[in-house]
C-alpha atoms as a PDB file:
ATOM      1  CA  UNK A   1       0.001   0.001  -0.007  1.00  0.00           C
ATOM      2  CA  UNK A   2       2.733   2.433   0.961  1.00  0.00           C
ATOM      3  CA  UNK A   3       4.740   1.471  -2.110  1.00  0.00           C
ATOM      4  CA  UNK A   4       1.859   2.135  -4.503  1.00  0.00           C
ATOM      5  CA  UNK A   5       1.122   5.446  -2.748  1.00  0.00           C
ATOM      6  CA  UNK A   6       4.733   6.584  -3.147  1.00  0.00           C
ATOM      7  CA  UNK A   7       4.691   5.579  -6.840  1.00  0.00           C
ATOM      8  CA  UNK A   8       1.519   7.613  -7.398  1.00  0.00           C
ATOM      9  CA  UNK A   9       3.052  10.646  -5.673  1.00  0.00           C
ATOM     10  CA  UNK A  10       6.200  10.321  -7.777  1.00  0.00           C
ATOM     11  CA  UNK A  11       4.096  10.095 -10.930  1.00  0.00           C
ATOM     12  CA  UNK A  12       2.124  13.219  -9.969  1.00  0.00           C
ATOM     13  CA  UNK A  13       5.326  15.142  -9.320  1.00  0.00           C
ATOM     14  CA  UNK A  14       6.912  14.078 -12.618  1.00  0.00           C
ATOM     15  CA  UNK A  15       3.790  14.602 -14.776  1.00  0.00           C
ATOM     16  CA  UNK A  16       4.095  18.402 -15.299  1.00  0.00           C
ATOM     17  CA  UNK A  17       7.695  17.989 -16.426  1.00  0.00           C
ATOM     18  CA  UNK A  18       6.688  15.462 -19.074  1.00  0.00           C
ATOM     19  CA  UNK A  19       3.825  17.409 -20.622  1.00  0.00           C
ATOM     20  CA  UNK A  20       4.362  19.075 -23.996  1.00  0.00           C
ATOM     21  CA  UNK A  21       3.276  22.650 -24.538  1.00  0.00           C
ATOM     22  CA  UNK A  22       0.883  22.758 -27.494  1.00  0.00           C
ATOM     23  CA  UNK A  23       1.798  26.384 -28.250  1.00  0.00           C
ATOM     24  CA  UNK A  24       5.509  25.632 -28.412  1.00  0.00           C
ATOM     25  CA  UNK A  25       6.941  26.167 -31.887  1.00  0.00           C
ATOM     26  CA  UNK A  26      10.513  26.121 -33.015  1.00  0.00           C
ATOM     27  CA  UNK A  27      11.701  29.696 -32.986  1.00  0.00           C
ATOM     28  CA  UNK A  28      14.430  31.295 -35.001  1.00  0.00           C
ATOM     29  CA  UNK A  29      17.365  32.464 -32.941  1.00  0.00           C
ATOM     30  CA  UNK A  30      17.556  36.240 -32.782  1.00  0.00           C
ATOM     31  CA  UNK A  31      20.954  37.831 -32.712  1.00  0.00           C
ATOM     32  CA  UNK A  32      21.147  41.342 -31.434  1.00  0.00           C
ATOM     33  CA  UNK A  33      24.289  42.877 -32.867  1.00  0.00           C
ATOM     34  CA  UNK A  34      25.399  46.229 -31.614  1.00  0.00           C
ATOM     35  CA  UNK A  35      25.641  48.739 -34.461  1.00  0.00           C
ATOM     36  CA  UNK A  36      29.173  49.727 -35.493  1.00  0.00           C
ATOM     37  CA  UNK A  37      30.554  52.643 -33.531  1.00  0.00           C
ATOM     38  CA  UNK A  38      32.250  54.344 -36.471  1.00  0.00           C
ATOM     39  CA  UNK A  39      30.388  55.688 -39.510  1.00  0.00           C
ATOM     40  CA  UNK A  40      32.162  54.173 -42.516  1.00  0.00           C
ATOM     41  CA  UNK A  41      29.893  55.434 -45.286  1.00  0.00           C
ATOM     42  CA  UNK A  42      31.652  54.918 -48.611  1.00  0.00           C
ATOM     43  CA  UNK A  43      32.733  58.028 -50.517  1.00  0.00           C
ATOM     44  CA  UNK A  44      32.259  58.759 -54.236  1.00  0.00           C
ATOM     45  CA  UNK A  45      35.259  60.571 -55.656  1.00  0.00           C
ATOM     46  CA  UNK A  46      36.055  62.324 -58.942  1.00  0.00           C
ATOM     47  CA  UNK A  47      37.417  59.272 -60.696  1.00  0.00           C
ATOM     48  CA  UNK A  48      35.159  56.587 -59.257  1.00  0.00           C
ATOM     49  CA  UNK A  49      33.883  54.854 -56.187  1.00  0.00           C
ATOM     50  CA  UNK A  50      36.115  54.869 -53.143  1.00  0.00           C
ATOM     51  CA  UNK A  51      35.897  53.304 -49.734  1.00  0.00           C
ATOM     52  CA  UNK A  52      36.218  55.423 -46.658  1.00  0.00           C
ATOM     53  CA  UNK A  53      39.925  56.279 -46.132  1.00  0.00           C
ATOM     54  CA  UNK A  54      39.422  56.755 -42.368  1.00  0.00           C
ATOM     55  CA  UNK A  55      38.143  53.226 -41.770  1.00  0.00           C
ATOM     56  CA  UNK A  56      40.053  49.975 -41.542  1.00  0.00           C
ATOM     57  CA  UNK A  57      38.856  47.085 -43.736  1.00  0.00           C
ATOM     58  CA  UNK A  58      37.283  45.320 -40.743  1.00  0.00           C
ATOM     59  CA  UNK A  59      35.404  48.497 -39.731  1.00  0.00           C
ATOM     60  CA  UNK A  60      34.246  48.902 -43.351  1.00  0.00           C
ATOM     61  CA  UNK A  61      32.922  45.294 -43.451  1.00  0.00           C
ATOM     62  CA  UNK A  62      31.087  45.783 -40.150  1.00  0.00           C
ATOM     63  CA  UNK A  63      29.503  48.993 -41.455  1.00  0.00           C
ATOM     64  CA  UNK A  64      28.503  47.364 -44.755  1.00  0.00           C
ATOM     65  CA  UNK A  65      26.898  44.405 -42.944  1.00  0.00           C
ATOM     66  CA  UNK A  66      24.981  46.734 -40.633  1.00  0.00           C
ATOM     67  CA  UNK A  67      23.662  48.862 -43.490  1.00  0.00           C
ATOM     68  CA  UNK A  68      22.606  45.810 -45.510  1.00  0.00           C
ATOM     69  CA  UNK A  69      20.743  44.438 -42.451  1.00  0.00           C
ATOM     70  CA  UNK A  70      19.062  47.810 -42.032  1.00  0.00           C
ATOM     71  CA  UNK A  71      17.899  47.729 -45.650  1.00  0.00           C
ATOM     72  CA  UNK A  72      16.297  44.265 -45.291  1.00  0.00           C
ATOM     73  CA  UNK A  73      13.996  45.344 -42.458  1.00  0.00           C
END
């Protein structure tokens, strides 16, 4: 009697952990990237299209990625 009572109590305790939420859907991971600190807008010059001479290549890539993400929204 005591054994069956303890099994029923254990089953009642474990039951909420085993239930599946019907509203649960797989969600896409959201990445919140901080915007680049430096404005690396590309410059158009007299003889063509230039990058920004005051930005390093890594800063320029970060700026370009941020502006393309901004355009998709």
